[in-house]
Amino acid sequence: MYLGNDPMFLLILIAFGLSMWASFRVRGTFNRYAEVPAQSGMTGYDAARRMLDNNGLYDVQIEPIPGVLSDHYDPTKKVVRLSEAVYHERSISAISVACHEVGHAVQHKVHYPMLVLRHRMFPIVNFASGIAPFLLIVGIILSFSNLILLGIIFFSAAVAFQLVTLPVEFNATNRAKQQMVTYGFVSPQERQGVNKVLNAAALTYVAAALVSLLQLLRFVGIFNQRND
């Protein structure tokens, strides 16, 4: 049912391969520029704190957390959480990742529309993404078209969430790139390294969205076949 001569399945495999490659690439690029000290001498924490203050976000805290590339901004508690390799280090990678996460805090402050939409979608998507696989698997095994259709509807919400995430991530990256140079966290000559680190990270979101979108199209194809 899943292999055969199914071109969509082959596209999903290719997209999944792209996703794996993007994951390895972001780690490799991060590790490479983690060895390159920033000329400013700032740590990831220093850059994040300075960028927050320059944007009037004095109430947003910064916390170190364990893990690798576990960095994120928590809008519910107004906390930028940085992995230890980012929080303490004085590298191009550390400053780039830290400022990207602050970019999300700035989005939160200015009510960036796509971020607002993403936050409103989250409770629905959290439920939908949990139940969609069950509905699809049971519907396909038992040939219940209505269950497949319901699963597709729920899965569509998860795909829409990933698509909305793309402009959110790209916008946070653009804010970080602009302010890092403007405020002197990195020199113009170091911009190339910043671009490589943040562009590699952005590619992982693109690959994940592509995989999900192709999976959705394949489920739609299965549904149409069952109703022919």
C-alpha atoms as a PDB file:
ATOM      1  CA  MET A   1       0.000   0.000   0.000  1.00  0.00           C
ATOM      2  CA  TYR A   2       2.861   2.394   0.756  1.00  0.00           C
ATOM      3  CA  LEU A   3       5.521   1.347  -1.704  1.00  0.00           C
ATOM      4  CA  GLY A   4       4.650   0.031  -5.168  1.00  0.00           C
ATOM      5  CA  ASN A   5       4.813   2.547  -7.953  1.00  0.00           C
ATOM      6  CA  ASP A   6       3.794   5.499  -5.833  1.00  0.00           C
ATOM      7  CA  PRO A   7       5.595   8.671  -7.002  1.00  0.00           C
ATOM      8  CA  MET A   8       4.232  10.654  -4.055  1.00  0.00           C
ATOM      9  CA  PHE A   9       5.800   8.205  -1.616  1.00  0.00           C
ATOM     10  CA  LEU A  10       9.114   8.596  -3.414  1.00  0.00           C
ATOM     11  CA  LEU A  11       8.808  12.393  -3.115  1.00  0.00           C
ATOM     12  CA  ILE A  12       8.176  12.013   0.612  1.00  0.00           C
ATOM     13  CA  LEU A  13      11.322   9.886   0.920  1.00  0.00           C
ATOM     14  CA  ILE A  14      13.313  12.545  -0.930  1.00  0.00           C
ATOM     15  CA  ALA A  15      11.874  15.300   1.269  1.00  0.00           C
ATOM     16  CA  PHE A  16      12.609  13.247   4.391  1.00  0.00           C
ATOM     17  CA  GLY A  17      16.170  12.824   3.164  1.00  0.00           C
ATOM     18  CA  LEU A  18      16.364  16.601   2.709  1.00  0.00           C
ATOM     19  CA  SER A  19      15.102  17.048   6.253  1.00  0.00           C
ATOM     20  CA  MET A  20      17.798  14.731   7.622  1.00  0.00           C
ATOM     21  CA  TRP A  21      20.453  16.519   5.571  1.00  0.00           C
ATOM     22  CA  ALA A  22      19.230  19.907   6.835  1.00  0.00           C
ATOM     23  CA  SER A  23      19.450  18.655  10.422  1.00  0.00           C
ATOM     24  CA  PHE A  24      23.040  17.482   9.946  1.00  0.00           C
ATOM     25  CA  ARG A  25      23.903  20.705   8.134  1.00  0.00           C
ATOM     26  CA  VAL A  26      22.635  22.980  10.893  1.00  0.00           C
ATOM     27  CA  ARG A  27      24.632  21.060  13.488  1.00  0.00           C
ATOM     28  CA  GLY A  28      27.728  21.046  11.306  1.00  0.00           C
ATOM     29  CA  THR A  29      27.470  24.767  10.543  1.00  0.00           C
ATOM     30  CA  PHE A  30      26.816  25.604  14.194  1.00  0.00           C
ATOM     31  CA  ASN A  31      29.821  23.557  15.321  1.00  0.00           C
ATOM     32  CA  ARG A  32      32.029  25.134  12.664  1.00  0.00           C
ATOM     33  CA  TYR A  33      31.264  28.713  13.677  1.00  0.00           C
ATOM     34  CA  ALA A  34      31.216  27.801  17.354  1.00  0.00           C
ATOM     35  CA  GLU A  35      34.987  27.637  16.916  1.00  0.00           C
ATOM     36  CA  VAL A  36      35.124  31.173  15.464  1.00  0.00           C
ATOM     37  CA  PRO A  37      35.355  33.846  18.196  1.00  0.00           C
ATOM     38  CA  ALA A  38      33.345  37.021  17.609  1.00  0.00           C
ATOM     39  CA  GLN A  39      35.491  40.117  17.335  1.00  0.00           C
ATOM     40  CA  SER A  40      33.216  41.907  19.806  1.00  0.00           C
ATOM     41  CA  GLY A  41      34.123  39.386  22.514  1.00  0.00           C
ATOM     42  CA  MET A  42      30.451  39.096  23.507  1.00  0.00           C
ATOM     43  CA  THR A  43      28.867  35.891  24.747  1.00  0.00           C
ATOM     44  CA  GLY A  44      25.465  34.712  23.560  1.00  0.00           C
ATOM     45  CA  TYR A  45      24.046  36.025  26.835  1.00  0.00           C
ATOM     46  CA  ASP A  46      25.701  39.426  26.361  1.00  0.00           C
ATOM     47  CA  ALA A  47      24.293  39.807  22.845  1.00  0.00           C
ATOM     48  CA  ALA A  48      20.832  38.662  23.863  1.00  0.00           C
ATOM     49  CA  ARG A  49      20.712  41.013  26.860  1.00  0.00           C
ATOM     50  CA  ARG A  50      21.951  43.954  24.803  1.00  0.00           C
ATOM     51  CA  MET A  51      19.476  43.317  21.990  1.00  0.00           C
ATOM     52  CA  LEU A  52      16.606  42.951  24.455  1.00  0.00           C
ATOM     53  CA  ASP A  53      17.502  46.201  26.189  1.00  0.00           C
ATOM     54  CA  ASN A  54      17.940  48.043  22.889  1.00  0.00           C
ATOM     55  CA  ASN A  55      14.380  47.045  22.011  1.00  0.00           C
ATOM     56  CA  GLY A  56      12.957  48.087  25.369  1.00  0.00           C
ATOM     57  CA  LEU A  57      12.466  44.501  26.563  1.00  0.00           C
ATOM     58  CA  TYR A  58      13.945  45.000  30.008  1.00  0.00           C
ATOM     59  CA  ASP A  59      11.416  42.637  31.588  1.00  0.00           C
ATOM     60  CA  VAL A  60      12.418  39.645  29.436  1.00  0.00           C
ATOM     61  CA  GLN A  61      14.779  37.341  31.298  1.00  0.00           C
ATOM     62  CA  ILE A  62      17.487  35.046  29.911  1.00  0.00           C
ATOM     63  CA  GLU A  63      18.074  31.564  31.296  1.00  0.00           C
ATOM     64  CA  PRO A  64      20.621  28.843  30.462  1.00  0.00           C
ATOM     65  CA  ILE A  65      19.182  25.398  29.704  1.00  0.00           C
ATOM     66  CA  PRO A  66      20.777  22.017  28.998  1.00  0.00           C
ATOM     67  CA  GLY A  67      20.784  20.430  25.571  1.00  0.00           C
ATOM     68  CA  VAL A  68      22.167  21.174  22.127  1.00  0.00           C
ATOM     69  CA  LEU A  69      20.329  23.723  19.967  1.00  0.00           C
ATOM     70  CA  SER A  70      17.516  23.694  22.526  1.00  0.00           C
ATOM     71  CA  ASP A  71      17.322  27.491  22.421  1.00  0.00           C
ATOM     72  CA  HIS A  72      13.857  29.080  22.344  1.00  0.00           C
ATOM     73  CA  TYR A  73      11.753  32.017  23.491  1.00  0.00           C
ATOM     74  CA  ASP A  74       8.909  31.312  25.931  1.00  0.00           C
ATOM     75  CA  PRO A  75       6.222  33.989  25.360  1.00  0.00           C
ATOM     76  CA  THR A  76       4.107  32.832  28.316  1.00  0.00           C
ATOM     77  CA  LYS A  77       6.875  33.584  30.819  1.00  0.00           C
ATOM     78  CA  LYS A  78       8.788  36.143  28.739  1.00  0.00           C
ATOM     79  CA  VAL A  79      12.019  34.212  28.971  1.00  0.00           C
ATOM     80  CA  VAL A  80      14.708  33.635  26.358  1.00  0.00           C
ATOM     81  CA  ARG A  81      16.216  30.229  27.078  1.00  0.00           C
ATOM     82  CA  LEU A  82      19.667  29.585  25.661  1.00  0.00           C
ATOM     83  CA  SER A  83      21.544  26.296  25.553  1.00  0.00           C
ATOM     84  CA  GLU A  84      24.762  26.365  27.534  1.00  0.00           C
ATOM     85  CA  ALA A  85      26.860  26.349  24.347  1.00  0.00           C
ATOM     86  CA  VAL A  86      25.109  29.565  23.318  1.00  0.00           C
ATOM     87  CA  TYR A  87      24.674  31.240  26.723  1.00  0.00           C
ATOM     88  CA  HIS A  88      28.335  31.121  27.767  1.00  0.00           C
ATOM     89  CA  GLU A  89      30.325  31.094  24.509  1.00  0.00           C
ATOM     90  CA  ARG A  90      31.798  34.066  22.610  1.00  0.00           C
ATOM     91  CA  SER A  91      31.422  32.682  19.086  1.00  0.00           C
ATOM     92  CA  ILE A  92      29.654  33.675  15.879  1.00  0.00           C
ATOM     93  CA  SER A  93      27.281  30.738  16.366  1.00  0.00           C
ATOM     94  CA  ALA A  94      26.435  31.684  19.940  1.00  0.00           C
ATOM     95  CA  ILE A  95      25.664  35.314  19.134  1.00  0.00           C
ATOM     96  CA  SER A  96      23.689  34.397  15.999  1.00  0.00           C
ATOM     97  CA  VAL A  97      21.426  31.888  17.740  1.00  0.00           C
ATOM     98  CA  ALA A  98      20.939  34.107  20.795  1.00  0.00           C
ATOM     99  CA  CYS A  99      19.885  37.087  18.686  1.00  0.00           C
ATOM    100  CA  HIS A 100      17.531  34.940  16.611  1.00  0.00           C
ATOM    101  CA  GLU A 101      15.666  33.937  19.763  1.00  0.00           C
ATOM    102  CA  VAL A 102      15.523  37.570  20.862  1.00  0.00           C
ATOM    103  CA  GLY A 103      14.009  38.247  17.435  1.00  0.00           C
ATOM    104  CA  HIS A 104      11.010  36.216  18.593  1.00  0.00           C
ATOM    105  CA  ALA A 105      10.770  38.309  21.753  1.00  0.00           C
ATOM    106  CA  VAL A 106      10.724  41.451  19.612  1.00  0.00           C
ATOM    107  CA  GLN A 107       7.991  39.900  17.463  1.00  0.00           C
ATOM    108  CA  HIS A 108       6.006  39.270  20.631  1.00  0.00           C
ATOM    109  CA  LYS A 109       6.380  42.888  21.723  1.00  0.00           C
ATOM    110  CA  VAL A 110       5.248  44.361  18.378  1.00  0.00           C
ATOM    111  CA  HIS A 111       2.495  41.757  17.906  1.00  0.00           C
ATOM    112  CA  TYR A 112       3.946  40.432  14.675  1.00  0.00           C
ATOM    113  CA  PRO A 113       0.791  39.105  12.911  1.00  0.00           C
ATOM    114  CA  MET A 114       2.125  35.680  11.944  1.00  0.00           C
ATOM    115  CA  LEU A 115       3.391  35.069  15.471  1.00  0.00           C
ATOM    116  CA  VAL A 116       0.008  36.067  16.895  1.00  0.00           C
ATOM    117  CA  LEU A 117      -1.675  33.655  14.470  1.00  0.00           C
ATOM    118  CA  ARG A 118       0.765  30.902  15.402  1.00  0.00           C
ATOM    119  CA  HIS A 119       0.036  31.323  19.112  1.00  0.00           C
ATOM    120  CA  ARG A 120      -3.720  31.211  18.492  1.00  0.00           C
ATOM    121  CA  MET A 121      -3.363  28.075  16.392  1.00  0.00           C
ATOM    122  CA  PHE A 122      -1.243  26.205  18.925  1.00  0.00           C
ATOM    123  CA  PRO A 123      -3.986  24.763  21.215  1.00  0.00           C
ATOM    124  CA  ILE A 124      -5.923  23.453  18.214  1.00  0.00           C
ATOM    125  CA  VAL A 125      -2.837  22.067  16.523  1.00  0.00           C
ATOM    126  CA  ASN A 126      -1.623  20.440  19.728  1.00  0.00           C
ATOM    127  CA  PHE A 127      -4.835  18.399  19.855  1.00  0.00           C
ATOM    128  CA  ALA A 128      -5.109  17.813  16.109  1.00  0.00           C
ATOM    129  CA  SER A 129      -1.548  16.582  15.631  1.00  0.00           C
ATOM    130  CA  GLY A 130      -2.043  14.029  18.403  1.00  0.00           C
ATOM    131  CA  ILE A 131      -5.219  12.479  17.047  1.00  0.00           C
ATOM    132  CA  ALA A 132      -4.608  12.762  13.282  1.00  0.00           C
ATOM    133  CA  PRO A 133      -2.204   9.779  12.956  1.00  0.00           C
ATOM    134  CA  PHE A 134      -4.633   7.502  14.817  1.00  0.00           C
ATOM    135  CA  LEU A 135      -7.557   8.501  12.606  1.00  0.00           C
ATOM    136  CA  LEU A 136      -5.536   8.073   9.421  1.00  0.00           C
ATOM    137  CA  ILE A 137      -4.072   4.683  10.354  1.00  0.00           C
ATOM    138  CA  VAL A 138      -7.380   3.234  11.513  1.00  0.00           C
ATOM    139  CA  GLY A 139      -9.228   4.734   8.563  1.00  0.00           C
ATOM    140  CA  ILE A 140      -6.753   3.310   6.027  1.00  0.00           C
ATOM    141  CA  ILE A 141      -6.576  -0.156   7.639  1.00  0.00           C
ATOM    142  CA  LEU A 142     -10.351  -0.489   7.972  1.00  0.00           C
ATOM    143  CA  SER A 143     -11.116   1.381   4.715  1.00  0.00           C
ATOM    144  CA  PHE A 144     -13.293   3.924   6.533  1.00  0.00           C
ATOM    145  CA  SER A 145     -13.275   6.933   4.218  1.00  0.00           C
ATOM    146  CA  ASN A 146     -14.911   9.197   6.776  1.00  0.00           C
ATOM    147  CA  LEU A 147     -12.147   8.509   9.294  1.00  0.00           C
ATOM    148  CA  ILE A 148      -9.503   9.176   6.644  1.00  0.00           C
ATOM    149  CA  LEU A 149     -11.185  12.464   5.766  1.00  0.00           C
ATOM    150  CA  LEU A 150     -11.360  13.477   9.426  1.00  0.00           C
ATOM    151  CA  GLY A 151      -7.711  12.556   9.842  1.00  0.00           C
ATOM    152  CA  ILE A 152      -6.837  14.674   6.811  1.00  0.00           C
ATOM    153  CA  ILE A 153      -8.676  17.656   8.292  1.00  0.00           C
ATOM    154  CA  PHE A 154      -6.788  17.346  11.590  1.00  0.00           C
ATOM    155  CA  PHE A 155      -3.477  16.753   9.833  1.00  0.00           C
ATOM    156  CA  SER A 156      -4.115  19.846   7.676  1.00  0.00           C
ATOM    157  CA  ALA A 157      -4.143  21.956  10.839  1.00  0.00           C
ATOM    158  CA  ALA A 158      -0.668  20.694  11.730  1.00  0.00           C
ATOM    159  CA  VAL A 159       0.599  21.409   8.215  1.00  0.00           C
ATOM    160  CA  ALA A 160      -0.894  24.912   8.318  1.00  0.00           C
ATOM    161  CA  PHE A 161       0.902  25.504  11.626  1.00  0.00           C
ATOM    162  CA  GLN A 162       4.233  24.558  10.065  1.00  0.00           C
ATOM    163  CA  LEU A 163       3.612  26.820   7.089  1.00  0.00           C
ATOM    164  CA  VAL A 164       2.790  29.736   9.403  1.00  0.00           C
ATOM    165  CA  THR A 165       5.990  28.984  11.323  1.00  0.00           C
ATOM    166  CA  LEU A 166       8.126  29.684   8.240  1.00  0.00           C
ATOM    167  CA  PRO A 167       7.571  33.473   8.033  1.00  0.00           C
ATOM    168  CA  VAL A 168       7.871  33.667  11.826  1.00  0.00           C
ATOM    169  CA  GLU A 169      11.319  32.085  11.719  1.00  0.00           C
ATOM    170  CA  PHE A 170      12.474  34.038   8.667  1.00  0.00           C
ATOM    171  CA  ASN A 171      11.350  37.316  10.212  1.00  0.00           C
ATOM    172  CA  ALA A 172      13.135  36.584  13.501  1.00  0.00           C
ATOM    173  CA  THR A 173      16.282  35.761  11.540  1.00  0.00           C
ATOM    174  CA  ASN A 174      16.084  39.002   9.542  1.00  0.00           C
ATOM    175  CA  ARG A 175      15.621  41.027  12.725  1.00  0.00           C
ATOM    176  CA  ALA A 176      18.653  39.317  14.264  1.00  0.00           C
ATOM    177  CA  LYS A 177      20.887  39.834  11.221  1.00  0.00           C
ATOM    178  CA  GLN A 178      20.042  43.525  10.984  1.00  0.00           C
ATOM    179  CA  GLN A 179      20.457  44.357  14.652  1.00  0.00           C
ATOM    180  CA  MET A 180      23.603  42.298  15.173  1.00  0.00           C
ATOM    181  CA  VAL A 181      25.491  44.496  12.717  1.00  0.00           C
ATOM    182  CA  THR A 182      23.704  47.729  13.675  1.00  0.00           C
ATOM    183  CA  TYR A 183      24.576  47.349  17.355  1.00  0.00           C
ATOM    184  CA  GLY A 184      28.080  46.052  16.712  1.00  0.00           C
ATOM    185  CA  PHE A 185      27.667  42.513  18.045  1.00  0.00           C
ATOM    186  CA  VAL A 186      29.428  41.329  14.889  1.00  0.00           C
ATOM    187  CA  SER A 187      31.452  43.171  12.280  1.00  0.00           C
ATOM    188  CA  PRO A 188      30.347  43.468   8.633  1.00  0.00           C
ATOM    189  CA  GLN A 189      33.102  40.979   7.792  1.00  0.00           C
ATOM    190  CA  GLU A 190      31.541  38.428  10.158  1.00  0.00           C
ATOM    191  CA  ARG A 191      28.126  38.719   8.503  1.00  0.00           C
ATOM    192  CA  GLN A 192      28.869  35.810   6.157  1.00  0.00           C
ATOM    193  CA  GLY A 193      29.290  33.453   9.101  1.00  0.00           C
ATOM    194  CA  VAL A 194      26.070  34.750  10.677  1.00  0.00           C
ATOM    195  CA  ASN A 195      24.203  34.133   7.424  1.00  0.00           C
ATOM    196  CA  LYS A 196      25.471  30.576   7.178  1.00  0.00           C
ATOM    197  CA  VAL A 197      24.483  29.718  10.744  1.00  0.00           C
ATOM    198  CA  LEU A 198      20.993  31.212  10.577  1.00  0.00           C
ATOM    199  CA  ASN A 199      20.241  30.124   6.997  1.00  0.00           C
ATOM    200  CA  ALA A 200      21.151  26.537   7.868  1.00  0.00           C
ATOM    201  CA  ALA A 201      18.736  26.676  10.800  1.00  0.00           C
ATOM    202  CA  ALA A 202      15.969  28.104   8.596  1.00  0.00           C
ATOM    203  CA  LEU A 203      16.406  25.250   6.124  1.00  0.00           C
ATOM    204  CA  THR A 204      15.322  22.736   8.762  1.00  0.00           C
ATOM    205  CA  TYR A 205      11.925  24.443   9.030  1.00  0.00           C
ATOM    206  CA  VAL A 206      11.525  24.487   5.250  1.00  0.00           C
ATOM    207  CA  ALA A 207      12.364  20.788   4.996  1.00  0.00           C
ATOM    208  CA  ALA A 208       9.975  19.846   7.808  1.00  0.00           C
ATOM    209  CA  ALA A 209       7.135  21.814   6.209  1.00  0.00           C
ATOM    210  CA  LEU A 210       7.815  20.180   2.849  1.00  0.00           C
ATOM    211  CA  VAL A 211       7.690  16.676   4.329  1.00  0.00           C
ATOM    212  CA  SER A 212       4.391  17.406   6.076  1.00  0.00           C
ATOM    213  CA  LEU A 213       2.855  18.984   2.982  1.00  0.00           C
ATOM    214  CA  LEU A 214       3.772  15.995   0.800  1.00  0.00           C
ATOM    215  CA  GLN A 215       2.407  13.614   3.426  1.00  0.00           C
ATOM    216  CA  LEU A 216      -0.856  15.546   3.413  1.00  0.00           C
ATOM    217  CA  LEU A 217      -1.095  15.354  -0.382  1.00  0.00           C
ATOM    218  CA  ARG A 218      -0.496  11.617  -0.245  1.00  0.00           C
ATOM    219  CA  PHE A 219      -3.260  11.115   2.317  1.00  0.00           C
ATOM    220  CA  VAL A 220      -5.568  13.124   0.068  1.00  0.00           C
ATOM    221  CA  GLY A 221      -4.581  10.820  -2.799  1.00  0.00           C
ATOM    222  CA  ILE A 222      -5.372   7.736  -0.711  1.00  0.00           C
ATOM    223  CA  PHE A 223      -8.745   9.219   0.208  1.00  0.00           C
ATOM    224  CA  ASN A 224      -9.573   9.914  -3.440  1.00  0.00           C
ATOM    225  CA  GLN A 225      -8.583   6.372  -4.447  1.00  0.00           C
ATOM    226  CA  ARG A 226     -10.900   4.893  -1.802  1.00  0.00           C
ATOM    227  CA  ASN A 227     -13.785   6.929  -3.172  1.00  0.00           C
ATOM    228  CA  ASP A 228     -13.237   6.151  -6.859  1.00  0.00           C
END
